[in-house]
Amino acid sequence: AAARQVFEDWPAMARDCVAHLRTVHGADP
């Protein structure tokens, strides 16, 4: 719950995190 306060632009941080995981998944599922 604290993360939504810690990151002022939480949606942008969330998108970046998932996009990174998708990149890892593509290289090595």
All heavy atoms as atom14 arrays in JSON, in Angstrom:
{
  "sequence": "AAARQVFEDWPAMARDCVAHLRTVHGADP",
  "atom14_mask": [
    [1, 1, 1, 1, 1, 0, 0, 0, 0, 0, 0, 0, 0, 0],
    [1, 1, 1, 1, 1, 0, 0, 0, 0, 0, 0, 0, 0, 0],
    [1, 1, 1, 1, 1, 0, 0, 0, 0, 0, 0, 0, 0, 0],
    [1, 1, 1, 1, 1, 1, 1, 1, 1, 1, 1, 0, 0, 0],
    [1, 1, 1, 1, 1, 1, 1, 1, 1, 0, 0, 0, 0, 0],
    [1, 1, 1, 1, 1, 1, 1, 0, 0, 0, 0, 0, 0, 0],
    [1, 1, 1, 1, 1, 1, 1, 1, 1, 1, 1, 0, 0, 0],
    [1, 1, 1, 1, 1, 1, 1, 1, 1, 0, 0, 0, 0, 0],
    [1, 1, 1, 1, 1, 1, 1, 1, 0, 0, 0, 0, 0, 0],
    [1, 1, 1, 1, 1, 1, 1, 1, 1, 1, 1, 1, 1, 1],
    [1, 1, 1, 1, 1, 1, 1, 0, 0, 0, 0, 0, 0, 0],
    [1, 1, 1, 1, 1, 0, 0, 0, 0, 0, 0, 0, 0, 0],
    [1, 1, 1, 1, 1, 1, 1, 1, 0, 0, 0, 0, 0, 0],
    [1, 1, 1, 1, 1, 0, 0, 0, 0, 0, 0, 0, 0, 0],
    [1, 1, 1, 1, 1, 1, 1, 1, 1, 1, 1, 0, 0, 0],
    [1, 1, 1, 1, 1, 1, 1, 1, 0, 0, 0, 0, 0, 0],
    [1, 1, 1, 1, 1, 1, 0, 0, 0, 0, 0, 0, 0, 0],
    [1, 1, 1, 1, 1, 1, 1, 0, 0, 0, 0, 0, 0, 0],
    [1, 1, 1, 1, 1, 0, 0, 0, 0, 0, 0, 0, 0, 0],
    [1, 1, 1, 1, 1, 1, 1, 1, 1, 1, 0, 0, 0, 0],
    [1, 1, 1, 1, 1, 1, 1, 1, 0, 0, 0, 0, 0, 0],
    [1, 1, 1, 1, 1, 1, 1, 1, 1, 1, 1, 0, 0, 0],
    [1, 1, 1, 1, 1, 1, 1, 0, 0, 0, 0, 0, 0, 0],
    [1, 1, 1, 1, 1, 1, 1, 0, 0, 0, 0, 0, 0, 0],
    [1, 1, 1, 1, 1, 1, 1, 1, 1, 1, 0, 0, 0, 0],
    [1, 1, 1, 1, 0, 0, 0, 0, 0, 0, 0, 0, 0, 0],
    [1, 1, 1, 1, 1, 0, 0, 0, 0, 0, 0, 0, 0, 0],
    [1, 1, 1, 1, 1, 1, 1, 1, 0, 0, 0, 0, 0, 0],
    [1, 1, 1, 1, 1, 1, 1, 0, 0, 0, 0, 0, 0, 0]
  ],
  "atom14_positions": [
    [[0.83, -1.21, 0.0], [0.0, 0.0, 0.0], [0.86, 1.26, 0.0], [0.52, 2.27, -0.64], [-0.93, -0.02, 1.2], [0.0, 0.0, 0.0], [0.0, 0.0, 0.0], [0.0, 0.0, 0.0], [0.0, 0.0, 0.0], [0.0, 0.0, 0.0], [0.0, 0.0, 0.0], [0.0, 0.0, 0.0], [0.0, 0.0, 0.0], [0.0, 0.0, 0.0]],
    [[2.01, 1.2, 0.68], [2.88, 2.38, 0.78], [3.44, 2.8, -0.57], [3.74, 3.98, -0.79], [4.04, 2.1, 1.74], [0.0, 0.0, 0.0], [0.0, 0.0, 0.0], [0.0, 0.0, 0.0], [0.0, 0.0, 0.0], [0.0, 0.0, 0.0], [0.0, 0.0, 0.0], [0.0, 0.0, 0.0], [0.0, 0.0, 0.0], [0.0, 0.0, 0.0]],
    [[3.57, 1.86, -1.51], [4.21, 2.16, -2.8], [3.44, 3.23, -3.57], [4.03, 4.04, -4.29], [4.32, 0.89, -3.64], [0.0, 0.0, 0.0], [0.0, 0.0, 0.0], [0.0, 0.0, 0.0], [0.0, 0.0, 0.0], [0.0, 0.0, 0.0], [0.0, 0.0, 0.0], [0.0, 0.0, 0.0], [0.0, 0.0, 0.0], [0.0, 0.0, 0.0]],
    [[2.12, 3.27, -3.41], [1.32, 4.25, -4.16], [1.53, 5.66, -3.62], [1.21, 6.64, -4.31], [-0.15, 3.86, -4.12], [-0.42, 2.55, -4.87], [-1.85, 2.08, -4.74], [-2.0, 0.75, -5.31], [-2.41, 0.5, -6.56], [-2.74, 1.5, -7.35], [-2.5, -0.73, -7.0], [0.0, 0.0, 0.0], [0.0, 0.0, 0.0], [0.0, 0.0, 0.0]],
    [[2.05, 5.76, -2.42], [2.43, 7.07, -1.88], [3.88, 7.39, -2.19], [4.23, 8.53, -2.47], [2.21, 7.08, -0.36], [0.77, 6.89, 0.06], [-0.14, 7.97, -0.51], [0.21, 9.15, -0.51], [-1.3, 7.57, -1.03], [0.0, 0.0, 0.0], [0.0, 0.0, 0.0], [0.0, 0.0, 0.0], [0.0, 0.0, 0.0], [0.0, 0.0, 0.0]],
    [[4.74, 6.36, -2.15], [6.17, 6.56, -2.37], [6.45, 7.08, -3.78], [7.23, 8.02, -3.97], [6.94, 5.24, -2.12], [8.38, 5.35, -2.63], [6.94, 4.91, -0.63], [0.0, 0.0, 0.0], [0.0, 0.0, 0.0], [0.0, 0.0, 0.0], [0.0, 0.0, 0.0], [0.0, 0.0, 0.0], [0.0, 0.0, 0.0], [0.0, 0.0, 0.0]],
    [[5.81, 6.48, -4.79], [6.03, 6.9, -6.18], [4.94, 7.9, -6.56], [3.77, 7.54, -6.66], [6.0, 5.7, -7.12], [7.07, 4.69, -6.85], [6.8, 3.52, -6.16], [8.38, 4.92, -7.26], [7.78, 2.59, -5.89], [9.38, 4.0, -7.0], [9.09, 2.84, -6.31], [0.0, 0.0, 0.0], [0.0, 0.0, 0.0], [0.0, 0.0, 0.0]],
    [[5.33, 9.15, -6.78], [4.33, 10.16, -7.1], [3.59, 9.82, -8.39], [2.38, 10.01, -8.49], [4.99, 11.54, -7.22], [3.98, 12.66, -7.4], [4.58, 14.02, -7.18], [4.68, 14.44, -6.0], [4.98, 14.66, -8.17], [0.0, 0.0, 0.0], [0.0, 0.0, 0.0], [0.0, 0.0, 0.0], [0.0, 0.0, 0.0], [0.0, 0.0, 0.0]],
    [[4.32, 9.31, -9.38], [3.68, 8.85, -10.61], [3.68, 7.32, -10.59], [4.42, 6.66, -11.32], [4.42, 9.38, -11.84], [3.65, 9.14, -13.14], [2.65, 8.39, -13.12], [4.08, 9.68, -14.18], [0.0, 0.0, 0.0], [0.0, 0.0, 0.0], [0.0, 0.0, 0.0], [0.0, 0.0, 0.0], [0.0, 0.0, 0.0], [0.0, 0.0, 0.0]],
    [[2.82, 6.77, -9.72], [2.77, 5.32, -9.57], [2.42, 4.61, -10.89], [3.04, 3.59, -11.21], [1.77, 4.92, -8.47], [1.72, 3.45, -8.23], [2.5, 2.74, -7.36], [0.88, 2.48, -8.88], [2.19, 1.4, -7.42], [1.19, 1.22, -8.35], [-0.11, 2.58, -9.84], [0.55, 0.05, -8.76], [-0.75, 1.41, -10.27], [-0.42, 0.18, -9.73]],
    [[1.47, 5.09, -11.69], [1.15, 4.38, -12.94], [2.35, 4.23, -13.87], [2.51, 3.18, -14.51], [0.04, 5.24, -13.56], [-0.61, 5.9, -12.39], [0.51, 6.2, -11.46], [0.0, 0.0, 0.0], [0.0, 0.0, 0.0], [0.0, 0.0, 0.0], [0.0, 0.0, 0.0], [0.0, 0.0, 0.0], [0.0, 0.0, 0.0], [0.0, 0.0, 0.0]],
    [[3.19, 5.27, -13.96], [4.36, 5.18, -14.84], [5.35, 4.15, -14.31], [5.93, 3.36, -15.08], [5.04, 6.54, -14.96], [0.0, 0.0, 0.0], [0.0, 0.0, 0.0], [0.0, 0.0, 0.0], [0.0, 0.0, 0.0], [0.0, 0.0, 0.0], [0.0, 0.0, 0.0], [0.0, 0.0, 0.0], [0.0, 0.0, 0.0], [0.0, 0.0, 0.0]],
    [[5.55, 4.11, -13.0], [6.44, 3.13, -12.4], [5.9, 1.72, -12.63], [6.66, 0.8, -12.97], [6.58, 3.4, -10.89], [7.53, 2.45, -10.17], [9.23, 2.6, -10.77], [10.04, 1.33, -9.78], [0.0, 0.0, 0.0], [0.0, 0.0, 0.0], [0.0, 0.0, 0.0], [0.0, 0.0, 0.0], [0.0, 0.0, 0.0], [0.0, 0.0, 0.0]],
    [[4.6, 1.55, -12.47], [3.98, 0.24, -12.68], [4.16, -0.23, -14.12], [4.52, -1.39, -14.38], [2.49, 0.31, -12.33], [0.0, 0.0, 0.0], [0.0, 0.0, 0.0], [0.0, 0.0, 0.0], [0.0, 0.0, 0.0], [0.0, 0.0, 0.0], [0.0, 0.0, 0.0], [0.0, 0.0, 0.0], [0.0, 0.0, 0.0], [0.0, 0.0, 0.0]],
    [[3.93, 0.67, -15.08], [4.1, 0.3, -16.5], [5.54, -0.1, -16.79], [5.79, -1.09, -17.5], [3.68, 1.46, -17.39], [2.18, 1.74, -17.42], [1.82, 2.68, -18.56], [2.48, 3.98, -18.43], [1.97, 5.01, -17.76], [0.8, 4.91, -17.16], [2.62, 6.17, -17.7], [0.0, 0.0, 0.0], [0.0, 0.0, 0.0], [0.0, 0.0, 0.0]],
    [[6.5, 0.66, -16.26], [7.91, 0.35, -16.51], [8.29, -1.0, -15.93], [9.05, -1.76, -16.54], [8.8, 1.44, -15.91], [8.79, 2.72, -16.73], [8.28, 2.69, -17.87], [9.29, 3.75, -16.22], [0.0, 0.0, 0.0], [0.0, 0.0, 0.0], [0.0, 0.0, 0.0], [0.0, 0.0, 0.0], [0.0, 0.0, 0.0], [0.0, 0.0, 0.0]],
    [[7.78, -1.31, -14.74], [8.1, -2.59, -14.1], [7.61, -3.77, -14.94], [8.34, -4.75, -15.17], [7.48, -2.65, -12.71], [8.34, -1.66, -11.46], [0.0, 0.0, 0.0], [0.0, 0.0, 0.0], [0.0, 0.0, 0.0], [0.0, 0.0, 0.0], [0.0, 0.0, 0.0], [0.0, 0.0, 0.0], [0.0, 0.0, 0.0], [0.0, 0.0, 0.0]],
    [[6.37, -3.7, -15.41], [5.8, -4.81, -16.16], [6.47, -4.92, -17.53], [6.75, -6.02, -18.02], [4.28, -4.66, -16.31], [3.7, -5.82, -17.1], [3.62, -4.61, -14.93], [0.0, 0.0, 0.0], [0.0, 0.0, 0.0], [0.0, 0.0, 0.0], [0.0, 0.0, 0.0], [0.0, 0.0, 0.0], [0.0, 0.0, 0.0], [0.0, 0.0, 0.0]],
    [[6.76, -3.78, -18.16], [7.44, -3.81, -19.46], [8.81, -4.45, -19.33], [9.26, -5.18, -20.23], [7.55, -2.4, -20.02], [0.0, 0.0, 0.0], [0.0, 0.0, 0.0], [0.0, 0.0, 0.0], [0.0, 0.0, 0.0], [0.0, 0.0, 0.0], [0.0, 0.0, 0.0], [0.0, 0.0, 0.0], [0.0, 0.0, 0.0], [0.0, 0.0, 0.0]],
    [[9.5, -4.2, -18.22], [10.79, -4.85, -17.99], [10.63, -6.37, -17.87], [11.39, -7.13, -18.49], [11.45, -4.3, -16.72], [12.59, -5.13, -16.24], [13.82, -5.14, -16.86], [12.68, -6.04, -15.22], [14.63, -6.0, -16.25], [13.96, -6.55, -15.25], [0.0, 0.0, 0.0], [0.0, 0.0, 0.0], [0.0, 0.0, 0.0], [0.0, 0.0, 0.0]],
    [[9.64, -6.8, -17.1], [9.42, -8.24, -16.95], [9.09, -8.9, -18.28], [9.51, -10.03, -18.55], [8.3, -8.52, -15.94], [8.66, -8.67, -14.47], [7.46, -9.19, -13.69], [9.86, -9.58, -14.26], [0.0, 0.0, 0.0], [0.0, 0.0, 0.0], [0.0, 0.0, 0.0], [0.0, 0.0, 0.0], [0.0, 0.0, 0.0], [0.0, 0.0, 0.0]],
    [[8.3, -8.23, -19.1], [7.97, -8.77, -20.42], [9.23, -8.93, -21.27], [9.37, -9.88, -22.04], [6.97, -7.86, -21.13], [5.52, -8.24, -20.94], [5.2, -9.6, -21.48], [3.77, -9.91, -21.43], [3.29, -11.1, -21.71], [4.09, -12.09, -22.05], [1.98, -11.32, -21.66], [0.0, 0.0, 0.0], [0.0, 0.0, 0.0], [0.0, 0.0, 0.0]],
    [[10.17, -8.0, -21.14], [11.43, -8.08, -21.87], [12.23, -9.3, -21.43], [12.78, -10.03, -22.25], [12.24, -6.79, -21.68], [11.45, -5.67, -22.08], [13.51, -6.81, -22.49], [0.0, 0.0, 0.0], [0.0, 0.0, 0.0], [0.0, 0.0, 0.0], [0.0, 0.0, 0.0], [0.0, 0.0, 0.0], [0.0, 0.0, 0.0], [0.0, 0.0, 0.0]],
    [[12.29, -9.51, -20.12], [12.99, -10.69, -19.59], [12.31, -11.96, -20.09], [12.98, -12.92, -20.51], [13.0, -10.66, -18.04], [13.59, -11.95, -17.47], [13.78, -9.46, -17.54], [0.0, 0.0, 0.0], [0.0, 0.0, 0.0], [0.0, 0.0, 0.0], [0.0, 0.0, 0.0], [0.0, 0.0, 0.0], [0.0, 0.0, 0.0], [0.0, 0.0, 0.0]],
    [[10.98, -11.97, -20.09], [10.22, -13.14, -20.53], [10.48, -13.47, -21.99], [10.61, -14.63, -22.38], [8.73, -12.89, -20.31], [7.85, -14.03, -20.69], [7.26, -14.12, -21.93], [7.46, -15.13, -20.0], [6.54, -15.24, -21.99], [6.65, -15.86, -20.83], [0.0, 0.0, 0.0], [0.0, 0.0, 0.0], [0.0, 0.0, 0.0], [0.0, 0.0, 0.0]],
    [[10.6, -12.44, -22.83], [10.84, -12.68, -24.24], [12.2, -13.29, -24.5], [12.35, -14.16, -25.37], [0.0, 0.0, 0.0], [0.0, 0.0, 0.0], [0.0, 0.0, 0.0], [0.0, 0.0, 0.0], [0.0, 0.0, 0.0], [0.0, 0.0, 0.0], [0.0, 0.0, 0.0], [0.0, 0.0, 0.0], [0.0, 0.0, 0.0], [0.0, 0.0, 0.0]],
    [[13.2, -12.86, -23.75], [14.56, -13.37, -23.94], [14.72, -14.76, -23.36], [15.46, -15.59, -23.9], [15.56, -12.42, -23.3], [0.0, 0.0, 0.0], [0.0, 0.0, 0.0], [0.0, 0.0, 0.0], [0.0, 0.0, 0.0], [0.0, 0.0, 0.0], [0.0, 0.0, 0.0], [0.0, 0.0, 0.0], [0.0, 0.0, 0.0], [0.0, 0.0, 0.0]],
    [[14.03, -15.05, -22.26], [14.18, -16.35, -21.6], [12.9, -16.68, -20.83], [12.78, -16.37, -19.64], [15.38, -16.3, -20.63], [15.65, -17.65, -19.96], [14.98, -18.65, -20.33], [16.53, -17.71, -19.08], [0.0, 0.0, 0.0], [0.0, 0.0, 0.0], [0.0, 0.0, 0.0], [0.0, 0.0, 0.0], [0.0, 0.0, 0.0], [0.0, 0.0, 0.0]],
    [[11.91, -17.29, -21.51], [10.62, -17.58, -20.85], [10.75, -18.45, -19.61], [9.86, -18.45, -18.76], [9.82, -18.29, -21.94], [10.47, -17.9, -23.23], [11.92, -17.72, -22.91], [0.0, 0.0, 0.0], [0.0, 0.0, 0.0], [0.0, 0.0, 0.0], [0.0, 0.0, 0.0], [0.0, 0.0, 0.0], [0.0, 0.0, 0.0], [0.0, 0.0, 0.0]]
  ]
}
